[in-house]
C-alpha atoms as a PDB file:
ATOM      1  CA  MET A   1      24.521 -64.516 -70.234  1.00  0.00           C
ATOM      2  CA  VAL A   2      23.190 -65.762 -67.247  1.00  0.00           C
ATOM      3  CA  ASN A   3      23.253 -69.290 -65.433  1.00  0.00           C
ATOM      4  CA  GLY A   4      20.785 -72.038 -64.851  1.00  0.00           C
ATOM      5  CA  SER A   5      21.099 -71.365 -61.378  1.00  0.00           C
ATOM      6  CA  GLU A   6      20.100 -67.433 -61.401  1.00  0.00           C
ATOM      7  CA  SER A   7      17.198 -67.757 -63.739  1.00  0.00           C
ATOM      8  CA  ARG A   8      15.797 -70.260 -61.060  1.00  0.00           C
ATOM      9  CA  LEU A   9      16.699 -67.525 -58.446  1.00  0.00           C
ATOM     10  CA  LYS A  10      15.049 -64.931 -60.029  1.00  0.00           C
ATOM     11  CA  ILE A  11      11.639 -67.242 -61.318  1.00  0.00           C
ATOM     12  CA  LYS A  12      11.305 -67.589 -57.534  1.00  0.00           C
ATOM     13  CA  THR A  13      12.219 -63.927 -56.604  1.00  0.00           C
ATOM     14  CA  ASN A  14       9.188 -63.212 -58.871  1.00  0.00           C
ATOM     15  CA  ARG A  15       7.200 -65.746 -57.634  1.00  0.00           C
ATOM     16  CA  PHE A  16       7.551 -65.064 -54.230  1.00  0.00           C
ATOM     17  CA  VAL A  17       7.120 -61.371 -54.719  1.00  0.00           C
ATOM     18  CA  TRP A  18       3.823 -61.986 -56.496  1.00  0.00           C
ATOM     19  CA  ALA A  19       2.521 -63.934 -53.713  1.00  0.00           C
ATOM     20  CA  LEU A  20       2.903 -60.802 -51.155  1.00  0.00           C
ATOM     21  CA  LEU A  21       1.113 -58.670 -53.933  1.00  0.00           C
ATOM     22  CA  CYS A  22      -1.552 -61.008 -53.921  1.00  0.00           C
ATOM     23  CA  LEU A  23      -2.391 -62.120 -49.974  1.00  0.00           C
ATOM     24  CA  ALA A  24      -1.635 -58.140 -49.250  1.00  0.00           C
ATOM     25  CA  THR A  25      -4.993 -57.470 -51.596  1.00  0.00           C
ATOM     26  CA  LEU A  26      -7.054 -60.710 -49.901  1.00  0.00           C
ATOM     27  CA  VAL A  27      -6.064 -58.687 -46.229  1.00  0.00           C
ATOM     28  CA  GLY A  28      -7.471 -55.979 -48.044  1.00  0.00           C
ATOM     29  CA  CYS A  29     -10.513 -57.136 -49.445  1.00  0.00           C
ATOM     30  CA  SER A  30     -11.334 -58.804 -46.285  1.00  0.00           C
ATOM     31  CA  LEU A  31     -10.530 -56.197 -44.114  1.00  0.00           C
ATOM     32  CA  PRO A  32     -13.977 -54.672 -42.441  1.00  0.00           C
ATOM     33  CA  GLN A  33     -15.367 -51.663 -44.831  1.00  0.00           C
ATOM     34  CA  ASP A  34     -16.712 -47.826 -43.152  1.00  0.00           C
ATOM     35  CA  ARG A  35     -19.642 -47.311 -45.472  1.00  0.00           C
ATOM     36  CA  SER A  36     -21.287 -45.010 -42.264  1.00  0.00           C
ATOM     37  CA  GLU A  37     -21.933 -41.322 -43.612  1.00  0.00           C
ATOM     38  CA  PRO A  38     -19.769 -38.567 -42.521  1.00  0.00           C
ATOM     39  CA  PRO A  39     -21.300 -36.646 -39.406  1.00  0.00           C
ATOM     40  CA  GLN A  40     -23.121 -33.438 -40.383  1.00  0.00           C
ATOM     41  CA  SER A  41     -22.195 -30.353 -39.291  1.00  0.00           C
ATOM     42  CA  TYR A  42     -23.151 -27.044 -38.205  1.00  0.00           C
ATOM     43  CA  LEU A  43     -22.428 -23.335 -37.912  1.00  0.00           C
ATOM     44  CA  LEU A  44     -23.344 -20.893 -35.231  1.00  0.00           C
ATOM     45  CA  ASP A  45     -22.931 -17.575 -36.772  1.00  0.00           C
ATOM     46  CA  GLY A  46     -25.718 -15.496 -34.864  1.00  0.00           C
ATOM     47  CA  GLY A  47     -27.631 -15.477 -38.423  1.00  0.00           C
ATOM     48  CA  ASN A  48     -27.843 -11.515 -40.357  1.00  0.00           C
ATOM     49  CA  PHE A  49     -27.035  -9.673 -36.731  1.00  0.00           C
ATOM     50  CA  SER A  50     -27.351  -5.697 -37.155  1.00  0.00           C
ATOM     51  CA  PRO A  51     -25.265  -4.571 -34.349  1.00  0.00           C
ATOM     52  CA  PRO A  52     -25.774  -1.140 -32.708  1.00  0.00           C
ATOM     53  CA  THR A  53     -23.858   2.091 -34.044  1.00  0.00           C
ATOM     54  CA  ALA A  54     -22.446   4.161 -31.659  1.00  0.00           C
ATOM     55  CA  ARG A  55     -22.869   8.091 -32.242  1.00  0.00           C
ATOM     56  CA  ARG A  56     -18.588   8.068 -32.400  1.00  0.00           C
ATOM     57  CA  SER A  57     -15.702   6.538 -32.051  1.00  0.00           C
ATOM     58  CA  ASN A  58     -13.868   6.453 -28.920  1.00  0.00           C
ATOM     59  CA  GLY A  59     -10.346   5.860 -30.165  1.00  0.00           C
ATOM     60  CA  LYS A  60      -9.345   3.312 -28.596  1.00  0.00           C
ATOM     61  CA  THR A  61      -8.692  -0.847 -29.540  1.00  0.00           C
ATOM     62  CA  LEU A  62     -10.930  -3.271 -28.033  1.00  0.00           C
ATOM     63  CA  LEU A  63      -9.207  -6.632 -27.998  1.00  0.00           C
ATOM     64  CA  VAL A  64     -11.824  -9.558 -28.209  1.00  0.00           C
ATOM     65  CA  THR A  65     -10.643 -12.929 -26.327  1.00  0.00           C
ATOM     66  CA  VAL A  66     -11.085 -16.609 -27.205  1.00  0.00           C
ATOM     67  CA  PRO A  67     -14.125 -17.219 -25.368  1.00  0.00           C
ATOM     68  CA  LYS A  68     -14.080 -20.354 -23.268  1.00  0.00           C
ATOM     69  CA  ALA A  69     -16.467 -22.996 -22.264  1.00  0.00           C
ATOM     70  CA  ALA A  70     -18.175 -24.662 -19.298  1.00  0.00           C
ATOM     71  CA  PRO A  71     -17.271 -28.408 -18.968  1.00  0.00           C
ATOM     72  CA  GLY A  72     -19.670 -30.502 -20.985  1.00  0.00           C
ATOM     73  CA  PHE A  73     -20.025 -27.755 -23.637  1.00  0.00           C
ATOM     74  CA  ASP A  74     -16.297 -27.344 -24.432  1.00  0.00           C
ATOM     75  CA  SER A  75     -16.400 -29.570 -27.725  1.00  0.00           C
ATOM     76  CA  ASN A  76     -17.838 -29.793 -31.108  1.00  0.00           C
ATOM     77  CA  ARG A  77     -20.484 -32.052 -29.835  1.00  0.00           C
ATOM     78  CA  ILE A  78     -23.926 -30.653 -29.981  1.00  0.00           C
ATOM     79  CA  ALA A  79     -25.392 -31.472 -26.426  1.00  0.00           C
ATOM     80  CA  TYR A  80     -28.673 -32.108 -25.193  1.00  0.00           C
ATOM     81  CA  THR A  81     -30.366 -33.475 -22.524  1.00  0.00           C
ATOM     82  CA  LYS A  82     -34.149 -35.269 -21.313  1.00  0.00           C
ATOM     83  CA  GLU A  83     -33.545 -35.388 -17.694  1.00  0.00           C
ATOM     84  CA  PRO A  84     -32.658 -33.139 -15.389  1.00  0.00           C
ATOM     85  CA  LEU A  85     -28.467 -32.594 -14.823  1.00  0.00           C
ATOM     86  CA  LYS A  86     -28.324 -35.588 -17.438  1.00  0.00           C
ATOM     87  CA  LEU A  87     -26.593 -34.344 -20.597  1.00  0.00           C
ATOM     88  CA  ASP A  88     -26.444 -36.350 -23.813  1.00  0.00           C
ATOM     89  CA  TYR A  89     -25.095 -35.611 -27.576  1.00  0.00           C
ATOM     90  CA  TYR A  90     -26.278 -36.218 -31.006  1.00  0.00           C
ATOM     91  CA  SER A  91     -24.162 -39.075 -32.661  1.00  0.00           C
ATOM     92  CA  ASN A  92     -23.956 -37.879 -36.217  1.00  0.00           C
ATOM     93  CA  ASN A  93     -24.236 -34.038 -36.203  1.00  0.00           C
ATOM     94  CA  ILE A  94     -21.952 -32.163 -34.854  1.00  0.00           C
ATOM     95  CA  TRP A  95     -20.831 -28.422 -34.851  1.00  0.00           C
ATOM     96  CA  SER A  96     -18.361 -27.042 -37.098  1.00  0.00           C
ATOM     97  CA  ASP A  97     -16.086 -26.119 -34.534  1.00  0.00           C
ATOM     98  CA  THR A  98     -16.791 -25.482 -30.719  1.00  0.00           C
ATOM     99  CA  PRO A  99     -19.428 -23.125 -29.911  1.00  0.00           C
ATOM    100  CA  ALA A 100     -16.591 -20.951 -27.895  1.00  0.00           C
ATOM    101  CA  LYS A 101     -14.233 -20.660 -31.101  1.00  0.00           C
ATOM    102  CA  MET A 102     -17.538 -20.421 -32.925  1.00  0.00           C
ATOM    103  CA  LEU A 103     -17.665 -17.560 -31.508  1.00  0.00           C
ATOM    104  CA  LEU A 104     -14.978 -15.320 -31.414  1.00  0.00           C
ATOM    105  CA  PRO A 105     -14.976 -13.945 -35.270  1.00  0.00           C
ATOM    106  CA  VAL A 106     -19.010 -13.266 -34.884  1.00  0.00           C
ATOM    107  CA  LEU A 107     -18.042 -11.257 -30.879  1.00  0.00           C
ATOM    108  CA  VAL A 108     -15.392  -9.543 -33.251  1.00  0.00           C
ATOM    109  CA  ARG A 109     -17.903  -8.769 -36.237  1.00  0.00           C
ATOM    110  CA  ALA A 110     -20.239  -7.332 -33.924  1.00  0.00           C
ATOM    111  CA  PHE A 111     -18.151  -5.055 -32.041  1.00  0.00           C
ATOM    112  CA  GLU A 112     -16.452  -3.928 -35.238  1.00  0.00           C
ATOM    113  CA  GLY A 113     -20.231  -2.769 -37.040  1.00  0.00           C
ATOM    114  CA  THR A 114     -20.572  -0.228 -33.990  1.00  0.00           C
ATOM    115  CA  GLY A 115     -17.814   1.582 -35.035  1.00  0.00           C
ATOM    116  CA  ALA A 116     -16.975   2.800 -31.391  1.00  0.00           C
ATOM    117  CA  PHE A 117     -13.565   1.134 -31.608  1.00  0.00           C
ATOM    118  CA  LYS A 118     -10.259   2.252 -33.434  1.00  0.00           C
ATOM    119  CA  ALA A 119      -9.783  -1.075 -34.204  1.00  0.00           C
ATOM    120  CA  VAL A 120     -11.104  -4.439 -32.718  1.00  0.00           C
ATOM    121  CA  VAL A 121      -8.610  -7.344 -32.099  1.00  0.00           C
ATOM    122  CA  SER A 122      -8.330 -10.837 -31.230  1.00  0.00           C
ATOM    123  CA  PRO A 123      -5.217 -12.846 -30.284  1.00  0.00           C
ATOM    124  CA  PRO A 124      -3.201 -14.170 -31.492  1.00  0.00           C
ATOM    125  CA  ALA A 125      -2.669 -10.132 -32.597  1.00  0.00           C
ATOM    126  CA  PRO A 126       0.396  -8.345 -31.151  1.00  0.00           C
ATOM    127  CA  THR A 127      -1.329  -5.178 -30.932  1.00  0.00           C
ATOM    128  CA  MET A 128      -1.653  -3.173 -27.090  1.00  0.00           C
ATOM    129  CA  ALA A 129      -5.153  -2.645 -26.266  1.00  0.00           C
ATOM    130  CA  ASP A 130      -6.818  -0.637 -24.220  1.00  0.00           C
ATOM    131  CA  LEU A 131      -9.780  -2.159 -23.725  1.00  0.00           C
ATOM    132  CA  ARG A 132     -10.853  -5.864 -23.667  1.00  0.00           C
ATOM    133  CA  VAL A 133     -14.256  -8.271 -23.683  1.00  0.00           C
ATOM    134  CA  ASP A 134     -14.083 -11.494 -22.189  1.00  0.00           C
ATOM    135  CA  VAL A 135     -17.185 -13.858 -22.634  1.00  0.00           C
ATOM    136  CA  ASP A 136     -17.711 -17.678 -21.360  1.00  0.00           C
ATOM    137  CA  VAL A 137     -20.439 -20.456 -22.727  1.00  0.00           C
ATOM    138  CA  MET A 138     -22.064 -21.334 -19.625  1.00  0.00           C
ATOM    139  CA  ARG A 139     -24.367 -23.255 -20.609  1.00  0.00           C
ATOM    140  CA  LEU A 140     -25.535 -24.239 -25.283  1.00  0.00           C
ATOM    141  CA  GLN A 141     -28.269 -27.650 -24.909  1.00  0.00           C
ATOM    142  CA  GLN A 142     -31.393 -28.428 -26.472  1.00  0.00           C
ATOM    143  CA  GLU A 143     -34.072 -29.022 -24.039  1.00  0.00           C
ATOM    144  CA  PHE A 144     -36.614 -32.459 -23.723  1.00  0.00           C
ATOM    145  CA  VAL A 145     -37.420 -31.360 -20.372  1.00  0.00           C
ATOM    146  CA  ALA A 146     -40.942 -30.469 -19.732  1.00  0.00           C
ATOM    147  CA  SER A 147     -40.571 -28.436 -22.693  1.00  0.00           C
ATOM    148  CA  GLN A 148     -42.925 -29.669 -26.267  1.00  0.00           C
ATOM    149  CA  PRO A 149     -41.602 -28.174 -28.385  1.00  0.00           C
ATOM    150  CA  SER A 150     -37.883 -28.569 -27.565  1.00  0.00           C
ATOM    151  CA  ARG A 151     -35.943 -25.500 -26.910  1.00  0.00           C
ATOM    152  CA  VAL A 152     -32.302 -24.234 -27.089  1.00  0.00           C
ATOM    153  CA  ARG A 153     -30.793 -22.733 -23.907  1.00  0.00           C
ATOM    154  CA  LEU A 154     -27.960 -20.361 -24.676  1.00  0.00           C
ATOM    155  CA  MET A 155     -26.434 -18.724 -21.392  1.00  0.00           C
ATOM    156  CA  THR A 156     -23.132 -16.551 -21.155  1.00  0.00           C
ATOM    157  CA  ARG A 157     -20.787 -14.109 -19.119  1.00  0.00           C
ATOM    158  CA  ILE A 158     -19.442 -11.502 -20.101  1.00  0.00           C
ATOM    159  CA  LYS A 159     -16.439  -9.886 -18.680  1.00  0.00           C
ATOM    160  CA  VAL A 160     -15.736  -6.259 -20.023  1.00  0.00           C
ATOM    161  CA  LEU A 161     -11.862  -4.567 -18.570  1.00  0.00           C
ATOM    162  CA  ASN A 162     -10.107  -1.608 -18.537  1.00  0.00           C
ATOM    163  CA  MET A 163      -6.770  -2.798 -20.207  1.00  0.00           C
ATOM    164  CA  LYS A 164      -4.260   0.318 -18.727  1.00  0.00           C
ATOM    165  CA  SER A 165      -5.770   0.329 -15.410  1.00  0.00           C
ATOM    166  CA  GLY A 166      -6.865  -3.534 -15.113  1.00  0.00           C
ATOM    167  CA  HIS A 167     -10.124  -2.913 -13.223  1.00  0.00           C
ATOM    168  CA  VAL A 168     -13.420  -4.245 -13.990  1.00  0.00           C
ATOM    169  CA  LEU A 169     -15.659  -2.329 -15.814  1.00  0.00           C
ATOM    170  CA  ALA A 170     -18.570  -4.750 -16.284  1.00  0.00           C
ATOM    171  CA  THR A 171     -19.683  -8.206 -15.195  1.00  0.00           C
ATOM    172  CA  GLN A 172     -23.043  -9.968 -16.319  1.00  0.00           C
ATOM    173  CA  VAL A 173     -24.840 -13.112 -17.614  1.00  0.00           C
ATOM    174  CA  PHE A 174     -27.198 -13.361 -20.551  1.00  0.00           C
ATOM    175  CA  GLU A 175     -29.425 -16.558 -21.377  1.00  0.00           C
ATOM    176  CA  ALA A 176     -31.461 -16.562 -24.132  1.00  0.00           C
ATOM    177  CA  ILE A 177     -34.272 -19.631 -24.568  1.00  0.00           C
ATOM    178  CA  GLU A 178     -35.620 -20.510 -28.330  1.00  0.00           C
ATOM    179  CA  PRO A 179     -37.958 -23.157 -29.111  1.00  0.00           C
ATOM    180  CA  ALA A 180     -36.616 -25.292 -31.689  1.00  0.00           C
ATOM    181  CA  PRO A 181     -38.623 -25.863 -34.997  1.00  0.00           C
ATOM    182  CA  THR A 182     -37.573 -29.768 -35.436  1.00  0.00           C
ATOM    183  CA  GLU A 183     -36.762 -31.833 -32.650  1.00  0.00           C
ATOM    184  CA  ASP A 184     -33.270 -32.747 -34.013  1.00  0.00           C
ATOM    185  CA  ALA A 185     -30.082 -31.147 -34.600  1.00  0.00           C
ATOM    186  CA  TYR A 186     -30.614 -29.126 -36.863  1.00  0.00           C
ATOM    187  CA  GLY A 187     -33.766 -27.721 -35.270  1.00  0.00           C
ATOM    188  CA  ALA A 188     -30.988 -27.145 -32.613  1.00  0.00           C
ATOM    189  CA  ALA A 189     -28.613 -25.087 -34.224  1.00  0.00           C
ATOM    190  CA  GLN A 190     -31.320 -22.788 -35.652  1.00  0.00           C
ATOM    191  CA  ALA A 191     -32.761 -22.364 -32.597  1.00  0.00           C
ATOM    192  CA  ALA A 192     -29.225 -21.869 -31.055  1.00  0.00           C
ATOM    193  CA  ASN A 193     -28.751 -18.843 -33.612  1.00  0.00           C
ATOM    194  CA  ARG A 194     -31.379 -17.424 -33.066  1.00  0.00           C
ATOM    195  CA  ALA A 195     -30.612 -17.479 -29.583  1.00  0.00           C
ATOM    196  CA  LEU A 196     -26.617 -16.193 -30.382  1.00  0.00           C
ATOM    197  CA  GLN A 197     -28.765 -13.332 -32.477  1.00  0.00           C
ATOM    198  CA  LYS A 198     -30.688 -12.336 -28.310  1.00  0.00           C
ATOM    199  CA  LEU A 199     -27.894 -12.507 -26.385  1.00  0.00           C
ATOM    200  CA  LEU A 200     -25.774  -9.779 -29.203  1.00  0.00           C
ATOM    201  CA  ASN A 201     -28.113  -7.407 -29.635  1.00  0.00           C
ATOM    202  CA  ASP A 202     -27.709  -7.491 -25.234  1.00  0.00           C
ATOM    203  CA  MET A 203     -24.346  -8.072 -24.977  1.00  0.00           C
ATOM    204  CA  VAL A 204     -22.596  -5.565 -27.408  1.00  0.00           C
ATOM    205  CA  PRO A 205     -24.870  -2.577 -25.780  1.00  0.00           C
ATOM    206  CA  PHE A 206     -24.431  -3.282 -22.231  1.00  0.00           C
ATOM    207  CA  ALA A 207     -20.175  -3.134 -23.287  1.00  0.00           C
ATOM    208  CA  LEU A 208     -20.419  -0.050 -25.064  1.00  0.00           C
ATOM    209  CA  ARG A 209     -22.011   1.352 -21.734  1.00  0.00           C
ATOM    210  CA  HIS A 210     -19.461   0.417 -19.918  1.00  0.00           C
ATOM    211  CA  PHE A 211     -16.589   1.252 -21.955  1.00  0.00           C
ATOM    212  CA  GLY A 212     -17.616   4.946 -22.546  1.00  0.00           C
END
């Protein structure tokens, strides 16, 4: 049998636990609730880009490295500018990933589609490559400066290398400017994808010419 003191101790313990549970519930209810909408994210995938087809494969393996981005464009924030030299970013709209990272599978797919190579690989593939392509994102911004409608500027630098000799075969800067269909982040994303298609139409043939 449970004596009186043990029974009273059990009752006090249960009351204490119940009080703690009530306190935790009250604290939880009093905390501010975040009812803001999740940020809208956009893709940079180049749309329906159709790469030029090579006459024949060169039998070599091409390594496409992970693109790098210049400061200010190395995050998933969507940049715009209303004043020269000043960058701003949309607060509730973002890229699904950094533009540089989203560019990697686009480049791999584009070079694969040419049929010019035995294989097209990207890091961390262990395959020894014969050729290499480096692409840097120098600028990707929606511009409201002296432009109506706004426009998106995409600027990249491509470098092609021979991995066997270590020689840089060629390097060049490419730029595309596209008007935005709407004056918001969605319009910026649409224009950015069209600009990327234009750059792919220039960069892929440029690389193929120097790879031989």
